[in-house]
Amino acid sequence: MRRPARGFTLLEVMIVVFILGLLATIIVPRLAGRTDEARRVKVIADLKSIAQALDLYRLDAGMYPTTEQGLKALVARPTAPPPPARWNVNGYLDRVPVDPWGRTYVYFRSDDGRYQLKSLGADGVEGGDGIFADIDSHADS
């Protein structure tokens, strides 16, 4: 006796494809808008982490890194003047962080000892609205 062939019929395959397409139509639009929000949340978390590292640097060095020394001073002992009074031999960060769009964070220290730390957003240009808006963190010395 011959056994019947096993497998799926064309109708069964079409029903499964239809159901998967329906699910994708419902789920994908909900997830698509979350990418920009997730990037913004990551920037805020990064800024807090960098701010903590800058505060630790200031405790050791007596001041925040200069604009010229930048965030590199948190990874390797700065060679540009003024040299820090003390510096953690392990550094304060593993590497110079980049924002979710692949650009380094902007760091600037003013003459009064305050610093500005920010991401230029999705467009990488100063200013903007929505996903193109800058995300910044201010701190006093």
N, C-alpha and C. Protein backbone atom coordinates (compact mmCIF):
# COMPACT_ATOMS: atom_id res chain seq x y z
N MET A 1 0.82 -1.18 0.00
CA MET A 1 0.00 0.00 0.00
C MET A 1 0.87 1.25 0.00
N ARG A 2 0.39 2.17 -0.69
CA ARG A 2 1.12 3.43 -0.80
C ARG A 2 0.60 4.42 0.25
N ARG A 3 1.53 5.10 0.97
CA ARG A 3 1.14 6.08 1.99
C ARG A 3 0.89 7.42 1.32
N PRO A 4 -0.09 8.17 1.81
CA PRO A 4 -0.36 9.48 1.23
C PRO A 4 0.82 10.42 1.49
N ALA A 5 1.07 11.33 0.56
CA ALA A 5 2.14 12.31 0.71
C ALA A 5 1.81 13.28 1.84
N ARG A 6 2.83 13.65 2.59
CA ARG A 6 2.62 14.57 3.70
C ARG A 6 3.14 15.94 3.31
N GLY A 7 2.52 16.96 3.86
CA GLY A 7 2.92 18.33 3.58
C GLY A 7 1.73 19.26 3.74
N PHE A 8 1.95 20.52 3.45
CA PHE A 8 0.89 21.50 3.57
C PHE A 8 0.27 21.77 2.21
N THR A 9 -1.00 22.04 2.24
CA THR A 9 -1.69 22.40 1.00
C THR A 9 -1.43 23.87 0.71
N LEU A 10 -1.67 24.26 -0.49
CA LEU A 10 -1.49 25.66 -0.88
C LEU A 10 -2.38 26.56 -0.05
N LEU A 11 -3.58 26.14 0.25
CA LEU A 11 -4.51 26.94 1.05
C LEU A 11 -3.96 27.16 2.46
N GLU A 12 -3.42 26.12 3.07
CA GLU A 12 -2.84 26.26 4.41
C GLU A 12 -1.67 27.24 4.42
N VAL A 13 -0.81 27.16 3.44
CA VAL A 13 0.34 28.07 3.35
C VAL A 13 -0.14 29.50 3.16
N MET A 14 -1.15 29.70 2.31
CA MET A 14 -1.66 31.05 2.07
C MET A 14 -2.29 31.63 3.33
N ILE A 15 -2.97 30.81 4.13
CA ILE A 15 -3.58 31.30 5.38
C ILE A 15 -2.48 31.74 6.35
N VAL A 16 -1.42 30.97 6.49
CA VAL A 16 -0.31 31.32 7.38
C VAL A 16 0.35 32.62 6.92
N VAL A 17 0.61 32.76 5.64
CA VAL A 17 1.22 33.98 5.11
C VAL A 17 0.32 35.18 5.37
N PHE A 18 -0.99 35.01 5.19
CA PHE A 18 -1.94 36.09 5.44
C PHE A 18 -1.91 36.51 6.91
N ILE A 19 -1.90 35.55 7.82
CA ILE A 19 -1.87 35.86 9.25
C ILE A 19 -0.57 36.58 9.62
N LEU A 20 0.57 36.12 9.10
CA LEU A 20 1.85 36.80 9.39
C LEU A 20 1.85 38.22 8.85
N GLY A 21 1.29 38.42 7.65
CA GLY A 21 1.20 39.76 7.09
C GLY A 21 0.32 40.67 7.92
N LEU A 22 -0.78 40.14 8.42
CA LEU A 22 -1.69 40.90 9.26
C LEU A 22 -1.01 41.31 10.56
N LEU A 23 -0.31 40.38 11.18
CA LEU A 23 0.42 40.69 12.41
C LEU A 23 1.50 41.75 12.18
N ALA A 24 2.23 41.64 11.08
CA ALA A 24 3.27 42.62 10.76
C ALA A 24 2.66 44.00 10.54
N THR A 25 1.49 44.05 9.90
CA THR A 25 0.81 45.31 9.65
C THR A 25 0.40 45.99 10.95
N ILE A 26 0.07 45.22 11.94
CA ILE A 26 -0.37 45.77 13.23
C ILE A 26 0.83 46.15 14.10
N ILE A 27 1.85 45.32 14.14
CA ILE A 27 2.95 45.50 15.08
C ILE A 27 4.02 46.48 14.59
N VAL A 28 4.43 46.41 13.35
CA VAL A 28 5.55 47.21 12.84
C VAL A 28 5.33 48.71 13.01
N PRO A 29 4.15 49.27 12.70
CA PRO A 29 3.98 50.72 12.89
C PRO A 29 4.13 51.16 14.35
N ARG A 30 3.76 50.30 15.27
CA ARG A 30 3.90 50.64 16.69
C ARG A 30 5.36 50.69 17.10
N LEU A 31 6.18 49.83 16.55
CA LEU A 31 7.59 49.78 16.91
C LEU A 31 8.42 50.81 16.16
N ALA A 32 8.00 51.20 14.98
CA ALA A 32 8.79 52.10 14.13
C ALA A 32 9.03 53.45 14.79
N GLY A 33 8.05 54.01 15.46
CA GLY A 33 8.20 55.31 16.09
C GLY A 33 9.01 55.28 17.36
N ARG A 34 9.28 54.14 17.88
CA ARG A 34 9.99 54.01 19.16
C ARG A 34 11.51 54.14 19.00
N THR A 35 12.02 54.03 17.81
CA THR A 35 13.46 54.09 17.61
C THR A 35 14.01 55.45 18.02
N ASP A 36 13.36 56.52 17.57
CA ASP A 36 13.83 57.86 17.92
C ASP A 36 13.74 58.11 19.42
N GLU A 37 12.68 57.61 20.04
CA GLU A 37 12.53 57.77 21.48
C GLU A 37 13.62 57.01 22.22
N ALA A 38 13.96 55.82 21.76
CA ALA A 38 15.01 55.01 22.39
C ALA A 38 16.37 55.71 22.27
N ARG A 39 16.63 56.32 21.12
CA ARG A 39 17.89 57.05 20.96
C ARG A 39 17.97 58.23 21.92
N ARG A 40 16.87 58.94 22.09
CA ARG A 40 16.85 60.09 23.00
C ARG A 40 17.09 59.62 24.45
N VAL A 41 16.47 58.51 24.83
CA VAL A 41 16.67 57.97 26.18
C VAL A 41 18.13 57.57 26.37
N LYS A 42 18.76 56.98 25.35
CA LYS A 42 20.17 56.61 25.44
C LYS A 42 21.06 57.83 25.61
N VAL A 43 20.75 58.91 24.88
CA VAL A 43 21.54 60.14 25.01
C VAL A 43 21.46 60.66 26.44
N ILE A 44 20.27 60.69 27.00
CA ILE A 44 20.09 61.20 28.37
C ILE A 44 20.87 60.35 29.36
N ALA A 45 20.83 59.03 29.19
CA ALA A 45 21.60 58.14 30.07
C ALA A 45 23.10 58.36 29.90
N ASP A 46 23.55 58.52 28.65
CA ASP A 46 24.97 58.78 28.39
C ASP A 46 25.41 60.08 29.03
N LEU A 47 24.59 61.13 28.90
CA LEU A 47 24.95 62.43 29.47
C LEU A 47 25.10 62.35 30.98
N LYS A 48 24.23 61.59 31.63
CA LYS A 48 24.33 61.42 33.09
C LYS A 48 25.61 60.68 33.44
N SER A 49 25.93 59.65 32.68
CA SER A 49 27.14 58.88 32.93
C SER A 49 28.40 59.74 32.73
N ILE A 50 28.41 60.50 31.66
CA ILE A 50 29.56 61.37 31.38
C ILE A 50 29.67 62.45 32.46
N ALA A 51 28.53 63.00 32.90
CA ALA A 51 28.54 64.03 33.95
C ALA A 51 29.13 63.47 35.24
N GLN A 52 28.81 62.22 35.57
CA GLN A 52 29.39 61.60 36.76
C GLN A 52 30.90 61.44 36.60
N ALA A 53 31.34 61.03 35.43
CA ALA A 53 32.78 60.89 35.18
C ALA A 53 33.46 62.26 35.26
N LEU A 54 32.83 63.30 34.74
CA LEU A 54 33.39 64.65 34.82
C LEU A 54 33.49 65.10 36.27
N ASP A 55 32.49 64.78 37.09
CA ASP A 55 32.55 65.14 38.51
C ASP A 55 33.68 64.42 39.23
N LEU A 56 33.89 63.14 38.91
CA LEU A 56 35.00 62.40 39.50
C LEU A 56 36.34 63.00 39.07
N TYR A 57 36.44 63.37 37.80
CA TYR A 57 37.66 64.02 37.29
C TYR A 57 37.92 65.31 38.08
N ARG A 58 36.86 66.11 38.27
CA ARG A 58 37.01 67.38 38.99
C ARG A 58 37.46 67.15 40.42
N LEU A 59 36.96 66.09 41.07
CA LEU A 59 37.39 65.80 42.44
C LEU A 59 38.89 65.51 42.49
N ASP A 60 39.40 64.79 41.49
CA ASP A 60 40.82 64.47 41.45
C ASP A 60 41.67 65.64 40.96
N ALA A 61 41.25 66.27 39.88
CA ALA A 61 42.07 67.28 39.21
C ALA A 61 41.87 68.68 39.77
N GLY A 62 40.77 68.91 40.48
CA GLY A 62 40.51 70.24 41.01
C GLY A 62 39.71 71.12 40.06
N MET A 63 39.47 70.65 38.87
CA MET A 63 38.68 71.40 37.88
C MET A 63 38.22 70.42 36.80
N TYR A 64 37.25 70.88 36.00
CA TYR A 64 36.82 70.08 34.86
C TYR A 64 37.86 70.18 33.76
N PRO A 65 37.90 69.22 32.85
CA PRO A 65 38.83 69.34 31.72
C PRO A 65 38.54 70.61 30.92
N THR A 66 39.57 71.17 30.33
CA THR A 66 39.38 72.33 29.46
C THR A 66 38.68 71.87 28.18
N THR A 67 38.21 72.85 27.42
CA THR A 67 37.59 72.51 26.13
C THR A 67 38.59 71.80 25.23
N GLU A 68 39.84 72.26 25.26
CA GLU A 68 40.88 71.64 24.43
C GLU A 68 41.14 70.19 24.85
N GLN A 69 41.17 69.94 26.15
CA GLN A 69 41.39 68.58 26.64
C GLN A 69 40.18 67.70 26.31
N GLY A 70 38.99 68.26 26.42
CA GLY A 70 37.75 67.58 26.04
C GLY A 70 37.48 66.31 26.80
N LEU A 71 36.61 65.52 26.26
CA LEU A 71 36.21 64.26 26.90
C LEU A 71 37.31 63.21 26.84
N LYS A 72 38.32 63.45 26.00
CA LYS A 72 39.46 62.53 25.95
C LYS A 72 40.18 62.48 27.30
N ALA A 73 40.06 63.57 28.07
CA ALA A 73 40.69 63.62 29.39
C ALA A 73 40.09 62.61 30.35
N LEU A 74 38.92 62.10 30.04
CA LEU A 74 38.29 61.09 30.89
C LEU A 74 38.78 59.68 30.56
N VAL A 75 39.46 59.54 29.43
CA VAL A 75 39.93 58.24 28.97
C VAL A 75 41.44 58.10 29.16
N ALA A 76 42.18 59.16 28.83
CA ALA A 76 43.64 59.16 28.94
C ALA A 76 44.09 60.45 29.62
N ARG A 77 45.17 60.37 30.37
CA ARG A 77 45.68 61.56 31.07
C ARG A 77 45.96 62.66 30.05
N PRO A 78 45.40 63.85 30.29
CA PRO A 78 45.58 64.94 29.32
C PRO A 78 47.03 65.42 29.23
N THR A 79 47.44 65.71 28.01
CA THR A 79 48.78 66.26 27.80
C THR A 79 48.73 67.76 27.59
N ALA A 80 47.56 68.29 27.20
CA ALA A 80 47.39 69.73 27.03
C ALA A 80 47.32 70.40 28.40
N PRO A 81 47.88 71.60 28.53
CA PRO A 81 47.83 72.29 29.82
C PRO A 81 46.42 72.77 30.16
N PRO A 82 46.10 72.93 31.39
CA PRO A 82 46.88 72.63 32.59
C PRO A 82 46.77 71.14 32.94
N PRO A 83 47.88 70.56 33.41
CA PRO A 83 47.82 69.15 33.79
C PRO A 83 46.98 68.97 35.05
N PRO A 84 46.26 67.87 35.15
CA PRO A 84 45.46 67.64 36.37
C PRO A 84 46.36 67.38 37.58
N ALA A 85 45.93 67.85 38.74
CA ALA A 85 46.69 67.63 39.97
C ALA A 85 46.83 66.13 40.24
N ARG A 86 45.74 65.42 40.10
CA ARG A 86 45.73 63.97 40.22
C ARG A 86 44.87 63.43 39.10
N TRP A 87 45.13 62.21 38.69
CA TRP A 87 44.35 61.59 37.62
C TRP A 87 44.28 60.10 37.90
N ASN A 88 43.11 59.51 37.77
CA ASN A 88 42.91 58.08 38.01
C ASN A 88 43.62 57.29 36.91
N VAL A 89 44.54 56.41 37.28
CA VAL A 89 45.31 55.66 36.29
C VAL A 89 44.43 54.76 35.43
N ASN A 90 43.24 54.42 35.90
CA ASN A 90 42.31 53.60 35.13
C ASN A 90 41.38 54.45 34.26
N GLY A 91 41.52 55.75 34.37
CA GLY A 91 40.64 56.65 33.63
C GLY A 91 39.28 56.74 34.30
N TYR A 92 38.41 57.50 33.70
CA TYR A 92 37.07 57.71 34.24
C TYR A 92 36.00 57.10 33.34
N LEU A 93 36.37 56.86 32.09
CA LEU A 93 35.52 56.17 31.12
C LEU A 93 36.40 55.21 30.33
N ASP A 94 35.81 54.15 29.79
CA ASP A 94 36.56 53.17 28.98
C ASP A 94 36.97 53.74 27.63
N ARG A 95 36.07 54.57 27.06
CA ARG A 95 36.34 55.15 25.75
C ARG A 95 35.57 56.45 25.63
N VAL A 96 35.95 57.27 24.67
CA VAL A 96 35.21 58.51 24.43
C VAL A 96 33.85 58.11 23.85
N PRO A 97 32.77 58.48 24.52
CA PRO A 97 31.46 58.03 24.07
C PRO A 97 30.98 58.75 22.81
N VAL A 98 30.17 58.06 22.04
CA VAL A 98 29.52 58.65 20.87
C VAL A 98 28.01 58.54 21.06
N ASP A 99 27.28 59.48 20.47
CA ASP A 99 25.83 59.45 20.59
C ASP A 99 25.24 58.37 19.68
N PRO A 100 23.96 58.11 19.80
CA PRO A 100 23.35 57.04 18.99
C PRO A 100 23.43 57.26 17.48
N TRP A 101 23.78 58.47 17.06
CA TRP A 101 23.91 58.76 15.63
C TRP A 101 25.36 58.67 15.18
N GLY A 102 26.25 58.22 16.08
CA GLY A 102 27.64 57.97 15.72
C GLY A 102 28.57 59.17 15.82
N ARG A 103 28.12 60.26 16.44
CA ARG A 103 28.96 61.45 16.59
C ARG A 103 29.38 61.62 18.04
N THR A 104 30.56 62.17 18.26
CA THR A 104 31.00 62.41 19.63
C THR A 104 30.15 63.50 20.26
N TYR A 105 30.01 63.42 21.57
CA TYR A 105 29.27 64.45 22.30
C TYR A 105 30.08 65.75 22.29
N VAL A 106 29.38 66.85 22.29
CA VAL A 106 30.02 68.17 22.28
C VAL A 106 30.28 68.56 23.73
N TYR A 107 31.54 68.92 24.01
CA TYR A 107 31.93 69.34 25.36
C TYR A 107 32.59 70.71 25.26
N PHE A 108 32.18 71.61 26.18
CA PHE A 108 32.75 72.95 26.22
C PHE A 108 32.82 73.39 27.67
N ARG A 109 33.99 73.89 28.10
CA ARG A 109 34.11 74.44 29.45
C ARG A 109 34.32 75.92 29.34
N SER A 110 33.50 76.68 30.05
CA SER A 110 33.62 78.14 30.02
C SER A 110 34.68 78.61 31.02
N ASP A 111 35.01 79.90 30.95
CA ASP A 111 36.03 80.47 31.83
C ASP A 111 35.62 80.46 33.30
N ASP A 112 34.30 80.44 33.57
CA ASP A 112 33.86 80.44 34.96
C ASP A 112 33.83 79.04 35.57
N GLY A 113 34.31 78.04 34.83
CA GLY A 113 34.42 76.69 35.36
C GLY A 113 33.23 75.81 35.08
N ARG A 114 32.18 76.34 34.49
CA ARG A 114 31.02 75.52 34.14
C ARG A 114 31.30 74.80 32.82
N TYR A 115 30.57 73.73 32.60
CA TYR A 115 30.73 73.04 31.32
C TYR A 115 29.38 72.82 30.66
N GLN A 116 29.42 72.63 29.39
CA GLN A 116 28.23 72.27 28.62
C GLN A 116 28.55 70.98 27.90
N LEU A 117 27.61 70.06 27.96
CA LEU A 117 27.77 68.75 27.35
C LEU A 117 26.48 68.46 26.60
N LYS A 118 26.59 68.11 25.32
CA LYS A 118 25.37 67.86 24.57
C LYS A 118 25.58 66.98 23.35
N SER A 119 24.46 66.48 22.86
CA SER A 119 24.40 65.79 21.58
C SER A 119 23.66 66.71 20.63
N LEU A 120 24.09 66.78 19.40
CA LEU A 120 23.45 67.66 18.42
C LEU A 120 22.22 67.03 17.77
N GLY A 121 21.79 65.88 18.25
CA GLY A 121 20.57 65.26 17.74
C GLY A 121 20.80 64.52 16.44
N ALA A 122 19.70 64.14 15.81
CA ALA A 122 19.74 63.30 14.62
C ALA A 122 20.42 63.97 13.44
N ASP A 123 20.29 65.31 13.33
CA ASP A 123 20.85 66.00 12.16
C ASP A 123 22.30 66.42 12.35
N GLY A 124 22.81 66.39 13.58
CA GLY A 124 24.20 66.76 13.83
C GLY A 124 24.48 68.25 13.68
N VAL A 125 23.42 69.06 13.70
CA VAL A 125 23.55 70.51 13.52
C VAL A 125 22.98 71.19 14.76
N GLU A 126 23.61 72.28 15.18
CA GLU A 126 23.16 73.05 16.33
C GLU A 126 21.69 73.46 16.18
N GLY A 127 20.91 73.28 17.25
CA GLY A 127 19.50 73.67 17.24
C GLY A 127 18.63 72.59 16.64
N GLY A 128 17.39 72.95 16.37
CA GLY A 128 16.47 72.01 15.75
C GLY A 128 15.31 71.67 16.64
N ASP A 129 14.33 71.00 16.06
CA ASP A 129 13.13 70.58 16.78
C ASP A 129 12.92 69.08 16.62
N GLY A 130 12.13 68.51 17.52
CA GLY A 130 11.81 67.09 17.43
C GLY A 130 13.05 66.22 17.53
N ILE A 131 13.19 65.26 16.62
CA ILE A 131 14.34 64.36 16.67
C ILE A 131 15.64 65.09 16.30
N PHE A 132 15.51 66.28 15.71
CA PHE A 132 16.68 67.06 15.34
C PHE A 132 17.13 68.00 16.46
N ALA A 133 16.40 68.05 17.57
CA ALA A 133 16.72 68.94 18.67
C ALA A 133 17.97 68.50 19.40
N ASP A 134 18.74 69.47 19.88
CA ASP A 134 19.90 69.19 20.71
C ASP A 134 19.43 68.68 22.06
N ILE A 135 20.22 67.81 22.65
CA ILE A 135 19.94 67.30 23.99
C ILE A 135 21.16 67.64 24.83
N ASP A 136 20.96 68.46 25.86
CA ASP A 136 22.15 68.91 26.61
C ASP A 136 22.00 68.73 28.11
N SER A 137 23.14 68.92 28.79
CA SER A 137 23.25 68.81 30.23
C SER A 137 24.15 69.94 30.72
N HIS A 138 23.67 70.71 31.67
CA HIS A 138 24.48 71.80 32.22
C HIS A 138 24.89 71.46 33.66
N ALA A 139 26.08 71.91 34.04
CA ALA A 139 26.53 71.69 35.42
C ALA A 139 27.36 72.87 35.86
N ASP A 140 27.33 73.11 37.12
CA ASP A 140 28.17 74.17 37.71
C ASP A 140 29.43 73.56 38.27
N SER A 141 30.43 74.39 38.39
CA SER A 141 31.67 73.90 39.00
C SER A 141 31.55 73.86 40.49
